[in-house]
Amino acid sequence: MKDATPLLTLWLPHPDCNEADLEREFNQYKTRQRAILDCADGLLDPSTLLDIIEATGIDPLAYVEEAEESIDALISHG
């Protein structure tokens, strides 16, 4: 996919996290981003993507709603 930006997630570490927590959260973030890009490129099916999203700490329904809002905003505002 040329630009998957509206589908990607953010990594906002909590300032009180210790080094192990930061590393774990960053690894989950990288796993999510790779899965999103693979799904956008047709290398991963959407249901597996949603399983990965959930396994890495994000509610799949909330993710889909956020992605939809991002895409709608891009369409509306160019």
PDB file of N, CA and C in Angstrom:
ATOM      1  N   MET A   1       0.847  -1.168   0.000  1.00  0.00           N
ATOM      2  CA  MET A   1       0.000   0.000   0.000  1.00  0.00           C
ATOM      3  C   MET A   1       0.888   1.225   0.000  1.00  0.00           C
ATOM      4  N   LYS A   2       0.528   2.193  -0.800  1.00  0.00           N
ATOM      5  CA  LYS A   2       1.353   3.380  -0.932  1.00  0.00           C
ATOM      6  C   LYS A   2       1.437   4.180   0.374  1.00  0.00           C
ATOM      7  N   ASP A   3       0.296   4.417   1.028  1.00  0.00           N
ATOM      8  CA  ASP A   3       0.306   5.177   2.275  1.00  0.00           C
ATOM      9  C   ASP A   3      -0.721   4.605   3.239  1.00  0.00           C
ATOM     10  N   ALA A   4      -0.246   3.915   4.236  1.00  0.00           N
ATOM     11  CA  ALA A   4      -1.124   3.290   5.227  1.00  0.00           C
ATOM     12  C   ALA A   4      -1.255   4.142   6.484  1.00  0.00           C
ATOM     13  N   THR A   5      -0.823   5.391   6.429  1.00  0.00           N
ATOM     14  CA  THR A   5      -0.808   6.250   7.610  1.00  0.00           C
ATOM     15  C   THR A   5      -2.123   6.270   8.385  1.00  0.00           C
ATOM     16  N   PRO A   6      -3.292   6.384   7.736  1.00  0.00           N
ATOM     17  CA  PRO A   6      -4.522   6.439   8.531  1.00  0.00           C
ATOM     18  C   PRO A   6      -4.832   5.143   9.281  1.00  0.00           C
ATOM     19  N   LEU A   7      -4.158   4.074   8.933  1.00  0.00           N
ATOM     20  CA  LEU A   7      -4.403   2.786   9.579  1.00  0.00           C
ATOM     21  C   LEU A   7      -3.451   2.505  10.733  1.00  0.00           C
ATOM     22  N   LEU A   8      -2.349   3.229  10.795  1.00  0.00           N
ATOM     23  CA  LEU A   8      -1.314   2.956  11.791  1.00  0.00           C
ATOM     24  C   LEU A   8      -1.724   3.422  13.183  1.00  0.00           C
ATOM     25  N   THR A   9      -1.096   2.850  14.189  1.00  0.00           N
ATOM     26  CA  THR A   9      -1.371   3.213  15.578  1.00  0.00           C
ATOM     27  C   THR A   9      -0.241   4.089  16.106  1.00  0.00           C
ATOM     28  N   LEU A  10      -0.466   4.659  17.273  1.00  0.00           N
ATOM     29  CA  LEU A  10       0.548   5.491  17.916  1.00  0.00           C
ATOM     30  C   LEU A  10       1.193   4.733  19.064  1.00  0.00           C
ATOM     31  N   TRP A  11       2.404   5.139  19.385  1.00  0.00           N
ATOM     32  CA  TRP A  11       3.065   4.621  20.576  1.00  0.00           C
ATOM     33  C   TRP A  11       3.319   5.803  21.490  1.00  0.00           C
ATOM     34  N   LEU A  12       2.582   5.847  22.580  1.00  0.00           N
ATOM     35  CA  LEU A  12       2.717   6.925  23.547  1.00  0.00           C
ATOM     36  C   LEU A  12       3.046   6.312  24.902  1.00  0.00           C
ATOM     37  N   PRO A  13       4.338   6.137  25.175  1.00  0.00           N
ATOM     38  CA  PRO A  13       4.719   5.482  26.423  1.00  0.00           C
ATOM     39  C   PRO A  13       4.339   6.323  27.640  1.00  0.00           C
ATOM     40  N   HIS A  14       3.942   5.648  28.686  1.00  0.00           N
ATOM     41  CA  HIS A  14       3.602   6.308  29.944  1.00  0.00           C
ATOM     42  C   HIS A  14       4.904   6.695  30.640  1.00  0.00           C
ATOM     43  N   PRO A  15       4.995   7.912  31.149  1.00  0.00           N
ATOM     44  CA  PRO A  15       6.252   8.363  31.761  1.00  0.00           C
ATOM     45  C   PRO A  15       6.677   7.565  32.993  1.00  0.00           C
ATOM     46  N   ASP A  16       5.743   6.865  33.626  1.00  0.00           N
ATOM     47  CA  ASP A  16       6.086   6.086  34.820  1.00  0.00           C
ATOM     48  C   ASP A  16       6.503   4.652  34.512  1.00  0.00           C
ATOM     49  N   CYS A  17       6.562   4.292  33.244  1.00  0.00           N
ATOM     50  CA  CYS A  17       6.940   2.929  32.866  1.00  0.00           C
ATOM     51  C   CYS A  17       8.418   2.699  33.153  1.00  0.00           C
ATOM     52  N   ASN A  18       8.725   1.479  33.571  1.00  0.00           N
ATOM     53  CA  ASN A  18      10.133   1.135  33.730  1.00  0.00           C
ATOM     54  C   ASN A  18      10.675   0.663  32.377  1.00  0.00           C
ATOM     55  N   GLU A  19      11.954   0.391  32.327  1.00  0.00           N
ATOM     56  CA  GLU A  19      12.587   0.032  31.055  1.00  0.00           C
ATOM     57  C   GLU A  19      11.986  -1.230  30.439  1.00  0.00           C
ATOM     58  N   ALA A  20      11.689  -2.225  31.259  1.00  0.00           N
ATOM     59  CA  ALA A  20      11.103  -3.474  30.748  1.00  0.00           C
ATOM     60  C   ALA A  20       9.716  -3.224  30.158  1.00  0.00           C
ATOM     61  N   ASP A  21       8.913  -2.392  30.831  1.00  0.00           N
ATOM     62  CA  ASP A  21       7.581  -2.063  30.312  1.00  0.00           C
ATOM     63  C   ASP A  21       7.677  -1.310  28.991  1.00  0.00           C
ATOM     64  N   LEU A  22       8.609  -0.361  28.922  1.00  0.00           N
ATOM     65  CA  LEU A  22       8.797   0.400  27.683  1.00  0.00           C
ATOM     66  C   LEU A  22       9.189  -0.515  26.531  1.00  0.00           C
ATOM     67  N   GLU A  23      10.099  -1.425  26.801  1.00  0.00           N
ATOM     68  CA  GLU A  23      10.543  -2.352  25.762  1.00  0.00           C
ATOM     69  C   GLU A  23       9.389  -3.246  25.299  1.00  0.00           C
ATOM     70  N   ARG A  24       8.611  -3.761  26.252  1.00  0.00           N
ATOM     71  CA  ARG A  24       7.465  -4.611  25.913  1.00  0.00           C
ATOM     72  C   ARG A  24       6.440  -3.835  25.089  1.00  0.00           C
ATOM     73  N   GLU A  25       6.108  -2.619  25.518  1.00  0.00           N
ATOM     74  CA  GLU A  25       5.131  -1.813  24.790  1.00  0.00           C
ATOM     75  C   GLU A  25       5.637  -1.443  23.400  1.00  0.00           C
ATOM     76  N   PHE A  26       6.927  -1.132  23.291  1.00  0.00           N
ATOM     77  CA  PHE A  26       7.470  -0.791  21.978  1.00  0.00           C
ATOM     78  C   PHE A  26       7.454  -2.004  21.052  1.00  0.00           C
ATOM     79  N   ASN A  27       7.754  -3.179  21.581  1.00  0.00           N
ATOM     80  CA  ASN A  27       7.693  -4.395  20.762  1.00  0.00           C
ATOM     81  C   ASN A  27       6.265  -4.683  20.310  1.00  0.00           C
ATOM     82  N   GLN A  28       5.286  -4.442  21.184  1.00  0.00           N
ATOM     83  CA  GLN A  28       3.886  -4.603  20.785  1.00  0.00           C
ATOM     84  C   GLN A  28       3.530  -3.611  19.679  1.00  0.00           C
ATOM     85  N   TYR A  29       3.993  -2.387  19.815  1.00  0.00           N
ATOM     86  CA  TYR A  29       3.773  -1.356  18.801  1.00  0.00           C
ATOM     87  C   TYR A  29       4.346  -1.794  17.449  1.00  0.00           C
ATOM     88  N   LYS A  30       5.587  -2.272  17.453  1.00  0.00           N
ATOM     89  CA  LYS A  30       6.212  -2.719  16.200  1.00  0.00           C
ATOM     90  C   LYS A  30       5.447  -3.882  15.586  1.00  0.00           C
ATOM     91  N   THR A  31       4.986  -4.809  16.422  1.00  0.00           N
ATOM     92  CA  THR A  31       4.201  -5.949  15.938  1.00  0.00           C
ATOM     93  C   THR A  31       2.918  -5.467  15.279  1.00  0.00           C
ATOM     94  N   ARG A  32       2.229  -4.521  15.935  1.00  0.00           N
ATOM     95  CA  ARG A  32       0.996  -3.949  15.371  1.00  0.00           C
ATOM     96  C   ARG A  32       1.253  -3.278  14.036  1.00  0.00           C
ATOM     97  N   GLN A  33       2.264  -2.433  13.989  1.00  0.00           N
ATOM     98  CA  GLN A  33       2.541  -1.686  12.758  1.00  0.00           C
ATOM     99  C   GLN A  33       2.847  -2.644  11.603  1.00  0.00           C
ATOM    100  N   ARG A  34       3.663  -3.660  11.861  1.00  0.00           N
ATOM    101  CA  ARG A  34       4.007  -4.630  10.818  1.00  0.00           C
ATOM    102  C   ARG A  34       2.750  -5.353  10.340  1.00  0.00           C
ATOM    103  N   ALA A  35       1.888  -5.753  11.258  1.00  0.00           N
ATOM    104  CA  ALA A  35       0.654  -6.453  10.888  1.00  0.00           C
ATOM    105  C   ALA A  35      -0.261  -5.551  10.069  1.00  0.00           C
ATOM    106  N   ILE A  36      -0.374  -4.287  10.452  1.00  0.00           N
ATOM    107  CA  ILE A  36      -1.215  -3.342   9.703  1.00  0.00           C
ATOM    108  C   ILE A  36      -0.687  -3.187   8.287  1.00  0.00           C
ATOM    109  N   LEU A  37       0.602  -2.998   8.153  1.00  0.00           N
ATOM    110  CA  LEU A  37       1.190  -2.842   6.817  1.00  0.00           C
ATOM    111  C   LEU A  37       1.040  -4.116   5.997  1.00  0.00           C
ATOM    112  N   ASP A  38       1.243  -5.268   6.617  1.00  0.00           N
ATOM    113  CA  ASP A  38       1.070  -6.538   5.904  1.00  0.00           C
ATOM    114  C   ASP A  38      -0.374  -6.719   5.453  1.00  0.00           C
ATOM    115  N   CYS A  39      -1.324  -6.347   6.287  1.00  0.00           N
ATOM    116  CA  CYS A  39      -2.739  -6.457   5.912  1.00  0.00           C
ATOM    117  C   CYS A  39      -3.049  -5.503   4.757  1.00  0.00           C
ATOM    118  N   ALA A  40      -2.546  -4.288   4.829  1.00  0.00           N
ATOM    119  CA  ALA A  40      -2.779  -3.313   3.761  1.00  0.00           C
ATOM    120  C   ALA A  40      -2.189  -3.789   2.437  1.00  0.00           C
ATOM    121  N   ASP A  41      -1.123  -4.562   2.501  1.00  0.00           N
ATOM    122  CA  ASP A  41      -0.488  -5.098   1.291  1.00  0.00           C
ATOM    123  C   ASP A  41      -1.074  -6.434   0.860  1.00  0.00           C
ATOM    124  N   GLY A  42      -2.084  -6.919   1.583  1.00  0.00           N
ATOM    125  CA  GLY A  42      -2.726  -8.181   1.228  1.00  0.00           C
ATOM    126  C   GLY A  42      -1.980  -9.416   1.690  1.00  0.00           C
ATOM    127  N   LEU A  43      -1.014  -9.251   2.580  1.00  0.00           N
ATOM    128  CA  LEU A  43      -0.217 -10.377   3.065  1.00  0.00           C
ATOM    129  C   LEU A  43      -0.775 -10.993   4.343  1.00  0.00           C
ATOM    130  N   LEU A  44      -1.760 -10.337   4.938  1.00  0.00           N
ATOM    131  CA  LEU A  44      -2.351 -10.791   6.190  1.00  0.00           C
ATOM    132  C   LEU A  44      -3.846 -10.522   6.116  1.00  0.00           C
ATOM    133  N   ASP A  45      -4.651 -11.502   6.528  1.00  0.00           N
ATOM    134  CA  ASP A  45      -6.098 -11.291   6.437  1.00  0.00           C
ATOM    135  C   ASP A  45      -6.573 -10.389   7.582  1.00  0.00           C
ATOM    136  N   PRO A  46      -7.662  -9.643   7.354  1.00  0.00           N
ATOM    137  CA  PRO A  46      -8.145  -8.683   8.350  1.00  0.00           C
ATOM    138  C   PRO A  46      -8.481  -9.292   9.709  1.00  0.00           C
ATOM    139  N   SER A  47      -9.021 -10.500   9.745  1.00  0.00           N
ATOM    140  CA  SER A  47      -9.364 -11.084  11.049  1.00  0.00           C
ATOM    141  C   SER A  47      -8.107 -11.373  11.867  1.00  0.00           C
ATOM    142  N   THR A  48      -7.039 -11.784  11.206  1.00  0.00           N
ATOM    143  CA  THR A  48      -5.770 -11.998  11.907  1.00  0.00           C
ATOM    144  C   THR A  48      -5.218 -10.668  12.400  1.00  0.00           C
ATOM    145  N   LEU A  49      -5.345  -9.632  11.583  1.00  0.00           N
ATOM    146  CA  LEU A  49      -4.908  -8.302  12.012  1.00  0.00           C
ATOM    147  C   LEU A  49      -5.634  -7.893  13.291  1.00  0.00           C
ATOM    148  N   LEU A  50      -6.945  -8.060  13.322  1.00  0.00           N
ATOM    149  CA  LEU A  50      -7.705  -7.668  14.511  1.00  0.00           C
ATOM    150  C   LEU A  50      -7.314  -8.501  15.729  1.00  0.00           C
ATOM    151  N   ASP A  51      -6.974  -9.766  15.517  1.00  0.00           N
ATOM    152  CA  ASP A  51      -6.474 -10.597  16.619  1.00  0.00           C
ATOM    153  C   ASP A  51      -5.158 -10.038  17.154  1.00  0.00           C
ATOM    154  N   ILE A  52      -4.283  -9.620  16.251  1.00  0.00           N
ATOM    155  CA  ILE A  52      -2.990  -9.054  16.655  1.00  0.00           C
ATOM    156  C   ILE A  52      -3.197  -7.720  17.360  1.00  0.00           C
ATOM    157  N   ILE A  53      -4.099  -6.902  16.833  1.00  0.00           N
ATOM    158  CA  ILE A  53      -4.412  -5.617  17.464  1.00  0.00           C
ATOM    159  C   ILE A  53      -4.836  -5.851  18.915  1.00  0.00           C
ATOM    160  N   GLU A  54      -5.730  -6.818  19.106  1.00  0.00           N
ATOM    161  CA  GLU A  54      -6.216  -7.117  20.457  1.00  0.00           C
ATOM    162  C   GLU A  54      -5.100  -7.675  21.342  1.00  0.00           C
ATOM    163  N   ALA A  55      -4.286  -8.557  20.791  1.00  0.00           N
ATOM    164  CA  ALA A  55      -3.205  -9.176  21.566  1.00  0.00           C
ATOM    165  C   ALA A  55      -2.133  -8.172  21.978  1.00  0.00           C
ATOM    166  N   THR A  56      -2.067  -7.049  21.273  1.00  0.00           N
ATOM    167  CA  THR A  56      -1.062  -6.036  21.597  1.00  0.00           C
ATOM    168  C   THR A  56      -1.657  -4.857  22.358  1.00  0.00           C
ATOM    169  N   GLY A  57      -2.831  -5.077  22.959  1.00  0.00           N
ATOM    170  CA  GLY A  57      -3.340  -4.109  23.917  1.00  0.00           C
ATOM    171  C   GLY A  57      -4.318  -3.063  23.431  1.00  0.00           C
ATOM    172  N   ILE A  58      -4.865  -3.221  22.237  1.00  0.00           N
ATOM    173  CA  ILE A  58      -5.827  -2.247  21.717  1.00  0.00           C
ATOM    174  C   ILE A  58      -7.136  -2.961  21.420  1.00  0.00           C
ATOM    175  N   ASP A  59      -8.233  -2.337  21.809  1.00  0.00           N
ATOM    176  CA  ASP A  59      -9.561  -2.867  21.509  1.00  0.00           C
ATOM    177  C   ASP A  59      -9.757  -2.836  19.993  1.00  0.00           C
ATOM    178  N   PRO A  60     -10.025  -3.984  19.363  1.00  0.00           N
ATOM    179  CA  PRO A  60     -10.160  -4.026  17.907  1.00  0.00           C
ATOM    180  C   PRO A  60     -11.268  -3.119  17.370  1.00  0.00           C
ATOM    181  N   LEU A  61     -12.400  -3.051  18.069  1.00  0.00           N
ATOM    182  CA  LEU A  61     -13.490  -2.187  17.621  1.00  0.00           C
ATOM    183  C   LEU A  61     -13.075  -0.721  17.680  1.00  0.00           C
ATOM    184  N   ALA A  62     -12.403  -0.333  18.739  1.00  0.00           N
ATOM    185  CA  ALA A  62     -11.913   1.040  18.855  1.00  0.00           C
ATOM    186  C   ALA A  62     -10.912   1.341  17.744  1.00  0.00           C
ATOM    187  N   TYR A  63     -10.050   0.372  17.426  1.00  0.00           N
ATOM    188  CA  TYR A  63      -9.086   0.554  16.337  1.00  0.00           C
ATOM    189  C   TYR A  63      -9.802   0.792  15.009  1.00  0.00           C
ATOM    190  N   VAL A  64     -10.797  -0.044  14.703  1.00  0.00           N
ATOM    191  CA  VAL A  64     -11.530   0.086  13.438  1.00  0.00           C
ATOM    192  C   VAL A  64     -12.228   1.441  13.373  1.00  0.00           C
ATOM    193  N   GLU A  65     -12.840   1.866  14.467  1.00  0.00           N
ATOM    194  CA  GLU A  65     -13.525   3.160  14.487  1.00  0.00           C
ATOM    195  C   GLU A  65     -12.547   4.309  14.268  1.00  0.00           C
ATOM    196  N   GLU A  66     -11.384   4.259  14.908  1.00  0.00           N
ATOM    197  CA  GLU A  66     -10.367   5.303  14.729  1.00  0.00           C
ATOM    198  C   GLU A  66      -9.845   5.332  13.297  1.00  0.00           C
ATOM    199  N   ALA A  67      -9.584   4.159  12.739  1.00  0.00           N
ATOM    200  CA  ALA A  67      -9.102   4.091  11.356  1.00  0.00           C
ATOM    201  C   ALA A  67     -10.151   4.657  10.405  1.00  0.00           C
ATOM    202  N   GLU A  68     -11.408   4.315  10.637  1.00  0.00           N
ATOM    203  CA  GLU A  68     -12.491   4.827   9.795  1.00  0.00           C
ATOM    204  C   GLU A  68     -12.575   6.354   9.886  1.00  0.00           C
ATOM    205  N   GLU A  69     -12.466   6.898  11.088  1.00  0.00           N
ATOM    206  CA  GLU A  69     -12.494   8.351  11.258  1.00  0.00           C
ATOM    207  C   GLU A  69     -11.318   9.013  10.548  1.00  0.00           C
ATOM    208  N   SER A  70     -10.147   8.413  10.621  1.00  0.00           N
ATOM    209  CA  SER A  70      -8.967   8.965   9.945  1.00  0.00           C
ATOM    210  C   SER A  70      -9.147   8.968   8.435  1.00  0.00           C
ATOM    211  N   ILE A  71      -9.681   7.881   7.913  1.00  0.00           N
ATOM    212  CA  ILE A  71      -9.906   7.786   6.469  1.00  0.00           C
ATOM    213  C   ILE A  71     -10.973   8.784   6.039  1.00  0.00           C
ATOM    214  N   ASP A  72     -12.063   8.886   6.790  1.00  0.00           N
ATOM    215  CA  ASP A  72     -13.118   9.858   6.479  1.00  0.00           C
ATOM    216  C   ASP A  72     -12.568  11.280   6.479  1.00  0.00           C
ATOM    217  N   ALA A  73     -11.717  11.604   7.451  1.00  0.00           N
ATOM    218  CA  ALA A  73     -11.129  12.942   7.518  1.00  0.00           C
ATOM    219  C   ALA A  73     -10.251  13.216   6.304  1.00  0.00           C
ATOM    220  N   LEU A  74      -9.484  12.226   5.880  1.00  0.00           N
ATOM    221  CA  LEU A  74      -8.655  12.405   4.685  1.00  0.00           C
ATOM    222  C   LEU A  74      -9.509  12.628   3.442  1.00  0.00           C
ATOM    223  N   ILE A  75     -10.589  11.882   3.328  1.00  0.00           N
ATOM    224  CA  ILE A  75     -11.476  12.028   2.174  1.00  0.00           C
ATOM    225  C   ILE A  75     -12.141  13.403   2.193  1.00  0.00           C
ATOM    226  N   SER A  76     -12.597  13.825   3.354  1.00  0.00           N
ATOM    227  CA  SER A  76     -13.313  15.094   3.479  1.00  0.00           C
ATOM    228  C   SER A  76     -12.407  16.310   3.316  1.00  0.00           C
ATOM    229  N   HIS A  77     -11.175  16.194   3.788  1.00  0.00           N
ATOM    230  CA  HIS A  77     -10.293  17.362   3.815  1.00  0.00           C
ATOM    231  C   HIS A  77      -9.115  17.253   2.857  1.00  0.00           C
ATOM    232  N   GLY A  78      -9.086  16.169   2.102  1.00  0.00           N
ATOM    233  CA  GLY A  78      -8.049  15.981   1.103  1.00  0.00           C
ATOM    234  C   GLY A  78      -6.721  15.867   1.694  1.00  0.00           C
TER     235      GLY A  78
END
